Amino acid sequence: MSSPVSNRRVLAIALPIVLSNATIPILGAVDTGVIGQLGEAAPIGAVGIGAVILSSIYWIFGFLRMGTSGLVAQAHGAEDAAEVGAHLLRALFIAFAAGLALILLHPLLFAGAFRLAPASDGVEDLAQRYLSIRIWGAPATIALYAITGWLIAVERTRSVLVLQLLQNGLNVALDVIFVLGIGWGVGGIAAATLIAEMSGLMLGLWFCREAWRPALRQTGLFARDRMMRLLRVNSDIMIRSVLLQGSFTSFMFLSAGQGDETLAANQVLLQFLQITAFGLDGFAFAAETLIGQAVGARRPDLLRRASLLSSAWAVGGAVILGIAFATLGPALIDLLTTAPEVRAEARHYLPWLILAPVLGVASWMLDGIFIGATLTGRMRRAMIEAVAIYVVALVVLSAAFGNHGLWAALMVLNVSRALTMMRFYPDAEALAKPAVAVAPRMAG
């Protein structure tokens, strides 16, 4: 690591990610707003359900972003230019293979999705049209996970911001042209997204252009041991992510048993958690980058400093978010729903969301630290333990306190994640210690 770990460096990594994340919900709102101008319900429903189906499928491959980030950061810290590029090429190989598999299997996948979540004939026909266009962007979308991870690992988060702005800006412009100008309807929304995804891939590959030459000169680019390490890291992250997503899904399923107003209120309040994630992701990504580089450079002192500085900024951000939710939360609830009974119900449970950033920040930051150190097996083990604790809390607290019990159990999940990971933190510092040279034995 050529430059010292400083507050300025942490912020240089984190802030572009925060700004990049802020553009994500805007695109969804524009898609809905543009197709809503057609004055029919079916196109809005078709775009909504189509986007949910694809995002659920693509979400499975989100591990490529995190796995690539940790491995590349370590190679970057070790000043191994060949491996910095090689890790990206291996991840892109997996991404393109996965994308092609999705294109081939999409009739079965989409049929299964509509069997699980059936819609009216009109909505389903339009959704099929939307999906049949957008599926061709699968290789690009999954590859962009790997490219984003690579850019974060080498501290080029401004490029991530530019990439996000280009994709979303182009998507919005083409939405307006294709739907309101040409009149392509749902197909226009899908075509706009597909072109934006392909354009993002081209720009992303150009941003990573310096990685290709040293990587391609390397022998054993796809050697079995190196591919197995990549697959092991990514499979650990995928298991952890599936368990986390399952926990949130169970929360929503149990919310449905609390009544329609409570279910709607919980859905509104979950947007506060989304805002929290968008706001604090940048600091977790900074931890991934700086921790990985410290491990690669064999500098436990820099690892400890990176952990402390990035976490300090994240705690500050969490406190600010908690204060913002306490003061602006009622207004945000009113913005998200106009139903008086849902507004009243959401206000009743708002205190849990005021606590959520502070109670969750340690788990989010430890995720970043463990990804950077590629302690993904420990992270998977900790998640299994935390989910087991969460299940017990969910059963006990929801039975005793209803919806308050559900929110309390969700807080227990985040605290448990932090506590179960924290005991493995010394392993990260141990990984960063210089290798001990073994003196050769003297003959005789």
Protein backbone atom coordinates (compact mmCIF):
# COMPACT_ATOMS: atom_id res chain seq x y z
CA MET A 1 0.00 0.00 0.00
CA SER A 2 1.84 3.07 -1.23
CA SER A 3 -0.25 5.72 0.53
CA PRO A 4 -1.14 5.82 4.25
CA VAL A 5 -4.59 4.90 5.53
CA SER A 6 -6.21 8.24 6.34
CA ASN A 7 -9.62 9.79 6.78
CA ARG A 8 -9.25 11.44 3.40
CA ARG A 9 -8.54 8.10 1.73
CA VAL A 10 -11.53 6.43 3.40
CA LEU A 11 -13.82 9.23 2.22
CA ALA A 12 -12.34 9.19 -1.29
CA ILE A 13 -13.44 5.56 -1.58
CA ALA A 14 -16.74 5.84 0.28
CA LEU A 15 -18.39 9.04 -0.96
CA PRO A 16 -18.62 8.15 -4.68
CA ILE A 17 -20.30 4.88 -3.66
CA VAL A 18 -22.85 6.76 -1.54
CA LEU A 19 -23.59 9.09 -4.47
CA SER A 20 -23.77 6.14 -6.87
CA ASN A 21 -26.25 4.35 -4.62
CA ALA A 22 -28.42 7.46 -4.49
CA THR A 23 -29.13 7.15 -8.23
CA ILE A 24 -30.50 3.59 -7.99
CA PRO A 25 -34.03 4.30 -6.68
CA ILE A 26 -34.40 7.18 -9.13
CA LEU A 27 -34.25 4.79 -12.09
CA GLY A 28 -37.04 2.59 -10.72
CA ALA A 29 -39.20 5.64 -10.13
CA VAL A 30 -38.62 6.89 -13.70
CA ASP A 31 -39.42 3.47 -15.22
CA THR A 32 -42.70 3.42 -13.31
CA GLY A 33 -43.47 7.06 -14.06
CA VAL A 34 -42.83 6.79 -17.81
CA ILE A 35 -44.85 3.59 -18.31
CA GLY A 36 -47.54 5.08 -16.07
CA GLN A 37 -48.08 7.82 -18.64
CA LEU A 38 -49.79 5.24 -20.85
CA GLY A 39 -52.75 5.41 -18.47
CA GLU A 40 -53.16 1.64 -18.07
CA ALA A 41 -52.55 -0.60 -15.07
CA ALA A 42 -51.33 -3.71 -16.93
CA PRO A 43 -48.07 -2.17 -18.32
CA ILE A 44 -47.12 -0.85 -14.86
CA GLY A 45 -47.71 -4.28 -13.31
CA ALA A 46 -45.80 -6.01 -16.11
CA VAL A 47 -42.71 -3.84 -15.72
CA GLY A 48 -42.88 -4.22 -11.95
CA ILE A 49 -43.18 -8.00 -11.89
CA GLY A 50 -40.64 -8.42 -14.71
CA ALA A 51 -38.07 -6.29 -12.90
CA VAL A 52 -38.63 -8.24 -9.66
CA ILE A 53 -38.15 -11.59 -11.42
CA LEU A 54 -34.90 -10.51 -13.07
CA SER A 55 -33.50 -8.77 -10.00
CA SER A 56 -34.22 -11.89 -7.94
CA ILE A 57 -32.32 -14.05 -10.45
CA TYR A 58 -29.41 -11.63 -10.84
CA TRP A 59 -29.19 -11.17 -7.07
CA ILE A 60 -27.92 -14.77 -6.81
CA PHE A 61 -24.76 -13.68 -8.65
CA GLY A 62 -24.10 -10.65 -6.43
CA PHE A 63 -21.31 -12.66 -4.78
CA LEU A 64 -19.10 -11.84 -7.79
CA ARG A 65 -18.96 -8.18 -6.70
CA MET A 66 -17.84 -9.00 -3.15
CA GLY A 67 -15.57 -11.93 -3.98
CA THR A 68 -13.78 -10.02 -6.74
CA SER A 69 -13.30 -7.01 -4.48
CA GLY A 70 -11.57 -8.96 -1.70
CA LEU A 71 -9.30 -11.01 -3.95
CA VAL A 72 -8.27 -8.08 -6.16
CA ALA A 73 -7.61 -5.81 -3.16
CA GLN A 74 -5.22 -8.39 -1.72
CA ALA A 75 -3.38 -8.76 -5.02
CA HIS A 76 -3.25 -4.96 -5.34
CA GLY A 77 -1.79 -4.65 -1.84
CA ALA A 78 0.83 -7.26 -2.71
CA GLU A 79 1.65 -5.25 -5.89
CA ASP A 80 0.94 -8.32 -8.02
CA ALA A 81 -0.31 -6.71 -11.23
CA ALA A 82 -0.78 -10.05 -12.99
CA GLU A 83 -3.13 -11.38 -10.29
CA VAL A 84 -4.98 -8.05 -10.09
CA GLY A 85 -6.02 -8.59 -13.70
CA ALA A 86 -6.30 -12.36 -13.50
CA HIS A 87 -8.89 -12.24 -10.72
CA LEU A 88 -11.03 -9.99 -12.93
CA LEU A 89 -10.70 -12.27 -15.96
CA ARG A 90 -11.68 -15.32 -13.89
CA ALA A 91 -14.71 -13.51 -12.50
CA LEU A 92 -15.72 -12.34 -15.99
CA PHE A 93 -15.43 -15.91 -17.26
CA ILE A 94 -17.91 -17.03 -14.58
CA ALA A 95 -20.15 -14.02 -15.28
CA PHE A 96 -20.39 -14.58 -19.04
CA ALA A 97 -20.92 -18.33 -18.57
CA ALA A 98 -23.71 -17.66 -16.06
CA GLY A 99 -25.29 -15.05 -18.32
CA LEU A 100 -25.32 -17.41 -21.32
CA ALA A 101 -26.82 -20.16 -19.15
CA LEU A 102 -29.63 -17.81 -18.10
CA ILE A 103 -30.35 -16.94 -21.74
CA LEU A 104 -30.62 -20.64 -22.60
CA LEU A 105 -32.73 -21.51 -19.56
CA HIS A 106 -34.93 -18.42 -19.43
CA PRO A 107 -38.14 -20.07 -20.71
CA LEU A 108 -38.05 -22.53 -17.82
CA LEU A 109 -37.03 -19.89 -15.28
CA PHE A 110 -39.76 -17.44 -16.27
CA ALA A 111 -42.43 -20.16 -16.44
CA GLY A 112 -41.48 -21.21 -12.92
CA ALA A 113 -41.57 -17.61 -11.71
CA PHE A 114 -45.10 -17.05 -13.04
CA ARG A 115 -46.22 -20.34 -11.53
CA LEU A 116 -45.02 -19.09 -8.13
CA ALA A 117 -46.46 -15.59 -8.60
CA PRO A 118 -49.29 -15.82 -11.16
CA ALA A 119 -50.64 -12.64 -12.73
CA SER A 120 -53.55 -11.84 -15.03
CA ASP A 121 -53.20 -12.92 -18.66
CA GLY A 122 -52.72 -9.33 -19.81
CA VAL A 123 -49.99 -8.55 -17.29
CA GLU A 124 -48.24 -11.88 -17.86
CA ASP A 125 -48.17 -11.42 -21.66
CA LEU A 126 -46.64 -7.96 -21.31
CA ALA A 127 -44.19 -9.17 -18.66
CA GLN A 128 -43.07 -11.99 -20.97
CA ARG A 129 -42.39 -9.42 -23.69
CA TYR A 130 -40.38 -7.32 -21.22
CA LEU A 131 -38.39 -10.33 -19.97
CA SER A 132 -37.72 -11.74 -23.46
CA ILE A 133 -35.89 -8.52 -24.34
CA ARG A 134 -34.10 -7.87 -21.06
CA ILE A 135 -32.73 -11.42 -20.65
CA TRP A 136 -30.20 -10.70 -23.42
CA GLY A 137 -28.51 -8.33 -21.01
CA ALA A 138 -27.82 -11.11 -18.47
CA PRO A 139 -24.10 -11.54 -19.34
CA ALA A 140 -23.57 -7.76 -19.15
CA THR A 141 -25.44 -7.33 -15.86
CA ILE A 142 -23.58 -10.15 -14.10
CA ALA A 143 -20.22 -9.09 -15.58
CA LEU A 144 -20.78 -5.59 -14.19
CA TYR A 145 -20.83 -7.08 -10.68
CA ALA A 146 -17.27 -8.30 -11.25
CA ILE A 147 -16.16 -5.04 -12.87
CA THR A 148 -17.61 -2.99 -10.00
CA GLY A 149 -15.80 -5.17 -7.47
CA TRP A 150 -12.54 -4.71 -9.36
CA LEU A 151 -12.89 -0.93 -9.53
CA ILE A 152 -13.68 -0.72 -5.81
CA ALA A 153 -10.67 -2.90 -4.94
CA VAL A 154 -8.23 -0.63 -6.80
CA GLU A 155 -9.83 2.50 -5.25
CA ARG A 156 -11.46 3.74 -8.43
CA THR A 157 -14.89 4.37 -6.97
CA ARG A 158 -15.25 7.58 -8.99
CA SER A 159 -15.30 5.31 -12.04
CA VAL A 160 -18.10 3.32 -10.37
CA LEU A 161 -20.04 6.57 -9.96
CA VAL A 162 -19.45 7.54 -13.62
CA LEU A 163 -20.54 4.05 -14.70
CA GLN A 164 -23.74 4.29 -12.66
CA LEU A 165 -24.51 7.79 -13.92
CA LEU A 166 -23.99 6.75 -17.54
CA GLN A 167 -26.17 3.66 -17.24
CA ASN A 168 -28.99 5.31 -15.36
CA GLY A 169 -28.86 8.55 -17.36
CA LEU A 170 -28.93 6.68 -20.68
CA ASN A 171 -31.70 4.42 -19.41
CA VAL A 172 -33.87 7.38 -18.40
CA ALA A 173 -33.32 9.18 -21.72
CA LEU A 174 -34.12 6.07 -23.75
CA ASP A 175 -37.20 5.37 -21.60
CA VAL A 176 -38.63 8.72 -22.64
CA ILE A 177 -37.68 8.31 -26.32
CA PHE A 178 -38.82 4.69 -26.74
CA VAL A 179 -42.03 4.89 -24.70
CA LEU A 180 -43.32 8.46 -24.96
CA GLY A 181 -41.68 9.30 -28.30
CA ILE A 182 -41.88 6.15 -30.42
CA GLY A 183 -44.66 4.40 -28.49
CA TRP A 184 -42.99 1.04 -27.87
CA GLY A 185 -44.63 0.64 -24.46
CA VAL A 186 -43.30 -2.14 -22.22
CA GLY A 187 -40.89 -3.25 -24.93
CA GLY A 188 -39.42 0.25 -24.96
CA ILE A 189 -38.69 0.12 -21.22
CA ALA A 190 -36.95 -3.25 -21.68
CA ALA A 191 -34.97 -2.09 -24.73
CA ALA A 192 -33.81 1.04 -22.89
CA THR A 193 -32.51 -1.03 -19.99
CA LEU A 194 -30.82 -3.55 -22.30
CA ILE A 195 -28.97 -0.82 -24.23
CA ALA A 196 -27.94 0.84 -20.95
CA GLU A 197 -26.61 -2.47 -19.59
CA MET A 198 -24.59 -3.17 -22.74
CA SER A 199 -23.23 0.39 -22.76
CA GLY A 200 -22.28 0.06 -19.09
CA LEU A 201 -20.41 -3.17 -19.84
CA MET A 202 -18.44 -1.53 -22.66
CA LEU A 203 -17.49 1.44 -20.49
CA GLY A 204 -16.65 -0.84 -17.56
CA LEU A 205 -14.34 -2.98 -19.69
CA TRP A 206 -12.63 0.17 -20.92
CA PHE A 207 -12.15 1.38 -17.33
CA CYS A 208 -10.40 -1.94 -16.58
CA ARG A 209 -8.26 -1.94 -19.73
CA GLU A 210 -4.91 -1.81 -17.90
CA ALA A 211 -5.69 -5.16 -16.25
CA TRP A 212 -5.70 -7.22 -19.44
CA ARG A 213 -2.08 -7.25 -20.59
CA PRO A 214 -0.33 -8.41 -17.38
CA ALA A 215 -3.10 -10.93 -16.73
CA LEU A 216 -2.92 -12.49 -20.20
CA ARG A 217 0.87 -12.84 -19.91
CA GLN A 218 0.43 -14.93 -16.77
CA THR A 219 0.74 -18.70 -16.97
CA GLY A 220 -1.92 -20.74 -15.23
CA LEU A 221 -4.59 -18.07 -15.56
CA PHE A 222 -7.31 -20.67 -15.07
CA ALA A 223 -5.26 -23.07 -12.96
CA ARG A 224 -7.38 -25.39 -10.84
CA ASP A 225 -6.15 -24.13 -7.45
CA ARG A 226 -6.82 -20.49 -8.36
CA MET A 227 -10.25 -21.20 -9.77
CA MET A 228 -11.09 -23.31 -6.71
CA ARG A 229 -10.13 -20.42 -4.40
CA LEU A 230 -12.36 -18.08 -6.37
CA LEU A 231 -15.25 -20.54 -6.26
CA ARG A 232 -14.77 -21.22 -2.54
CA VAL A 233 -14.80 -17.52 -1.65
CA ASN A 234 -17.83 -16.84 -3.82
CA SER A 235 -19.79 -19.90 -2.64
CA ASP A 236 -19.28 -18.84 1.00
CA ILE A 237 -20.59 -15.36 0.19
CA MET A 238 -23.55 -16.78 -1.74
CA ILE A 239 -24.59 -19.02 1.18
CA ARG A 240 -24.30 -16.06 3.56
CA SER A 241 -26.39 -13.87 1.24
CA VAL A 242 -29.09 -16.53 0.77
CA LEU A 243 -29.41 -16.86 4.56
CA LEU A 244 -29.64 -13.08 4.96
CA GLN A 245 -32.25 -12.75 2.22
CA GLY A 246 -34.19 -15.66 3.73
CA SER A 247 -34.26 -13.83 7.06
CA PHE A 248 -35.82 -10.73 5.49
CA THR A 249 -38.26 -12.88 3.51
CA SER A 250 -39.42 -14.63 6.70
CA PHE A 251 -39.88 -11.22 8.31
CA MET A 252 -42.24 -10.17 5.49
CA PHE A 253 -44.11 -13.49 5.50
CA LEU A 254 -44.75 -13.19 9.22
CA SER A 255 -45.71 -9.53 8.76
CA ALA A 256 -48.57 -10.70 6.55
CA GLY A 257 -50.08 -12.42 9.57
CA GLN A 258 -50.23 -9.12 11.46
CA GLY A 259 -52.91 -7.63 9.19
CA ASP A 260 -52.92 -5.64 5.94
CA GLU A 261 -52.17 -2.27 7.55
CA THR A 262 -49.24 -3.65 9.54
CA LEU A 263 -47.86 -5.47 6.47
CA ALA A 264 -48.03 -2.26 4.45
CA ALA A 265 -46.44 -0.27 7.30
CA ASN A 266 -43.58 -2.76 7.54
CA GLN A 267 -43.01 -2.51 3.78
CA VAL A 268 -42.82 1.27 4.09
CA LEU A 269 -40.42 1.06 7.03
CA LEU A 270 -38.15 -1.40 5.22
CA GLN A 271 -37.37 1.48 2.85
CA PHE A 272 -35.63 3.11 5.83
CA LEU A 273 -33.33 0.08 6.00
CA GLN A 274 -32.71 0.45 2.26
CA ILE A 275 -31.71 4.08 2.80
CA THR A 276 -29.42 2.99 5.64
CA ALA A 277 -27.73 0.39 3.44
CA PHE A 278 -27.23 2.93 0.64
CA GLY A 279 -25.80 5.43 3.11
CA LEU A 280 -23.36 3.08 4.86
CA ASP A 281 -22.33 0.83 1.95
CA GLY A 282 -19.57 3.23 0.96
CA PHE A 283 -17.76 2.79 4.28
CA ALA A 284 -18.11 -1.00 4.15
CA PHE A 285 -16.65 -0.91 0.63
CA ALA A 286 -13.80 1.26 1.87
CA ALA A 287 -13.12 -1.39 4.50
CA GLU A 288 -13.12 -4.14 1.85
CA THR A 289 -10.56 -2.26 -0.22
CA LEU A 290 -8.21 -1.13 2.54
CA ILE A 291 -8.39 -4.38 4.53
CA GLY A 292 -7.70 -6.44 1.41
CA GLN A 293 -4.73 -4.28 0.49
CA ALA A 294 -3.36 -4.52 4.04
CA VAL A 295 -3.59 -8.32 3.92
CA GLY A 296 -1.85 -8.37 0.54
CA ALA A 297 0.88 -6.04 1.81
CA ARG A 298 1.27 -8.07 5.03
CA ARG A 299 0.63 -5.02 7.21
CA PRO A 300 -1.52 -5.81 10.29
CA ASP A 301 -0.98 -2.25 11.55
CA LEU A 302 -2.61 -0.84 8.42
CA LEU A 303 -5.40 -3.40 8.67
CA ARG A 304 -6.19 -2.29 12.22
CA ARG A 305 -6.10 1.38 11.25
CA ALA A 306 -8.30 0.79 8.21
CA SER A 307 -10.81 -1.11 10.38
CA LEU A 308 -10.94 1.67 12.96
CA LEU A 309 -11.13 4.65 10.57
CA SER A 310 -13.73 3.20 8.20
CA SER A 311 -15.82 1.99 11.14
CA ALA A 312 -15.61 5.37 12.88
CA TRP A 313 -17.00 7.10 9.80
CA ALA A 314 -19.71 4.46 9.50
CA VAL A 315 -20.74 4.90 13.15
CA GLY A 316 -20.94 8.65 12.59
CA GLY A 317 -23.10 8.05 9.52
CA ALA A 318 -25.33 5.66 11.46
CA VAL A 319 -25.88 8.21 14.23
CA ILE A 320 -26.74 10.89 11.65
CA LEU A 321 -29.20 8.54 9.95
CA GLY A 322 -30.81 7.69 13.30
CA ILE A 323 -31.25 11.40 14.08
CA ALA A 324 -32.61 12.01 10.56
CA PHE A 325 -35.14 9.21 10.93
CA ALA A 326 -36.21 10.57 14.33
CA THR A 327 -36.79 14.07 12.96
CA LEU A 328 -37.81 13.45 9.34
CA GLY A 329 -39.23 9.93 9.64
CA PRO A 330 -42.91 10.96 9.87
CA ALA A 331 -42.56 13.16 6.78
CA LEU A 332 -40.83 10.34 4.87
CA ILE A 333 -43.63 7.95 5.84
CA ASP A 334 -46.19 10.44 4.52
CA LEU A 335 -44.20 10.68 1.27
CA LEU A 336 -44.17 6.90 0.83
CA THR A 337 -47.88 6.30 1.51
CA THR A 338 -51.09 8.33 1.47
CA ALA A 339 -53.20 5.78 3.40
CA PRO A 340 -54.00 7.30 6.83
CA GLU A 341 -54.15 3.94 8.62
CA VAL A 342 -50.80 2.82 7.15
CA ARG A 343 -49.22 6.15 8.11
CA ALA A 344 -50.43 5.77 11.69
CA GLU A 345 -49.23 2.16 11.89
CA ALA A 346 -45.79 3.01 10.46
CA ARG A 347 -45.33 5.83 12.98
CA HIS A 348 -46.10 3.34 15.75
CA TYR A 349 -43.08 1.21 14.79
CA LEU A 350 -40.78 4.03 13.65
CA PRO A 351 -38.62 3.89 16.86
CA TRP A 352 -37.19 0.55 15.69
CA LEU A 353 -35.92 2.20 12.51
CA ILE A 354 -34.35 5.02 14.51
CA LEU A 355 -32.35 2.36 16.36
CA ALA A 356 -31.63 0.22 13.30
CA PRO A 357 -28.62 2.12 11.84
CA VAL A 358 -26.75 2.16 15.15
CA LEU A 359 -27.59 -1.46 15.99
CA GLY A 360 -26.71 -2.66 12.49
CA VAL A 361 -23.57 -0.70 11.65
CA ALA A 362 -21.15 -3.17 13.29
CA SER A 363 -22.50 -6.09 11.25
CA TRP A 364 -22.25 -4.15 7.98
CA MET A 365 -18.69 -3.04 8.69
CA LEU A 366 -17.56 -6.50 9.77
CA ASP A 367 -18.96 -7.84 6.51
CA GLY A 368 -16.66 -5.40 4.69
CA ILE A 369 -13.66 -6.34 6.84
CA PHE A 370 -14.21 -10.08 6.34
CA ILE A 371 -14.74 -9.72 2.58
CA GLY A 372 -11.52 -7.73 2.27
CA ALA A 373 -9.63 -10.36 4.26
CA THR A 374 -11.48 -13.13 2.30
CA LEU A 375 -12.47 -14.72 5.61
CA THR A 376 -15.63 -15.78 3.86
CA GLY A 377 -15.80 -19.17 5.55
CA ARG A 378 -15.87 -17.45 8.95
CA MET A 379 -18.51 -15.03 7.66
CA ARG A 380 -20.67 -17.94 6.45
CA ARG A 381 -20.30 -19.73 9.80
CA ALA A 382 -21.16 -16.57 11.72
CA MET A 383 -24.25 -16.01 9.57
CA ILE A 384 -25.50 -19.55 10.20
CA GLU A 385 -25.14 -18.98 13.96
CA ALA A 386 -26.79 -15.53 13.79
CA VAL A 387 -29.74 -16.84 11.77
CA ALA A 388 -30.25 -19.65 14.30
CA ILE A 389 -30.43 -17.02 17.07
CA TYR A 390 -32.77 -14.91 14.90
CA VAL A 391 -35.16 -17.83 14.34
CA VAL A 392 -35.47 -18.39 18.10
CA ALA A 393 -35.98 -14.64 18.69
CA LEU A 394 -38.54 -14.51 15.89
CA VAL A 395 -40.62 -17.32 17.35
CA VAL A 396 -40.44 -16.11 20.95
CA LEU A 397 -40.70 -12.34 20.47
CA SER A 398 -43.35 -12.30 17.75
CA ALA A 399 -45.58 -14.60 19.82
CA ALA A 400 -45.19 -12.37 22.88
CA PHE A 401 -45.17 -8.87 21.33
CA GLY A 402 -46.66 -9.17 17.83
CA ASN A 403 -45.18 -6.79 15.26
CA HIS A 404 -42.94 -5.15 17.87
CA GLY A 405 -41.54 -8.64 18.40
CA LEU A 406 -40.84 -8.98 14.66
CA TRP A 407 -38.86 -5.75 14.60
CA ALA A 408 -37.05 -6.68 17.81
CA ALA A 409 -36.05 -10.02 16.25
CA LEU A 410 -34.68 -8.19 13.19
CA MET A 411 -32.54 -6.06 15.50
CA VAL A 412 -31.40 -9.25 17.26
CA LEU A 413 -30.30 -10.59 13.85
CA ASN A 414 -28.02 -7.62 13.19
CA VAL A 415 -26.54 -7.62 16.69
CA SER A 416 -26.01 -11.40 16.52
CA ARG A 417 -24.26 -11.06 13.16
CA ALA A 418 -21.86 -8.56 14.68
CA LEU A 419 -21.16 -10.61 17.81
CA THR A 420 -20.64 -13.88 15.94
CA MET A 421 -18.23 -12.26 13.48
CA MET A 422 -16.38 -10.15 16.04
CA ARG A 423 -14.77 -13.16 17.67
CA PHE A 424 -13.10 -14.01 14.34
CA TYR A 425 -11.63 -10.52 13.82
CA PRO A 426 -8.17 -11.54 15.19
CA ASP A 427 -7.95 -13.99 12.28
CA ALA A 428 -7.96 -11.02 9.90
CA GLU A 429 -4.98 -9.43 11.64
CA ALA A 430 -3.23 -12.81 11.70
CA LEU A 431 -3.65 -13.08 7.91
CA ALA A 432 -1.90 -9.75 7.48
CA LYS A 433 1.19 -10.73 9.48
CA PRO A 434 4.39 -11.17 7.45
CA ALA A 435 5.16 -14.74 6.50
CA VAL A 436 7.78 -16.29 8.77
CA ALA A 437 10.86 -17.32 6.89
CA VAL A 438 12.14 -20.77 7.76
CA ALA A 439 15.94 -21.01 7.94
CA PRO A 440 17.44 -23.95 6.03
CA ARG A 441 18.84 -26.77 8.10
CA MET A 442 22.61 -27.04 8.18
CA ALA A 443 24.11 -30.32 7.01
CA GLY A 444 25.81 -32.45 9.65
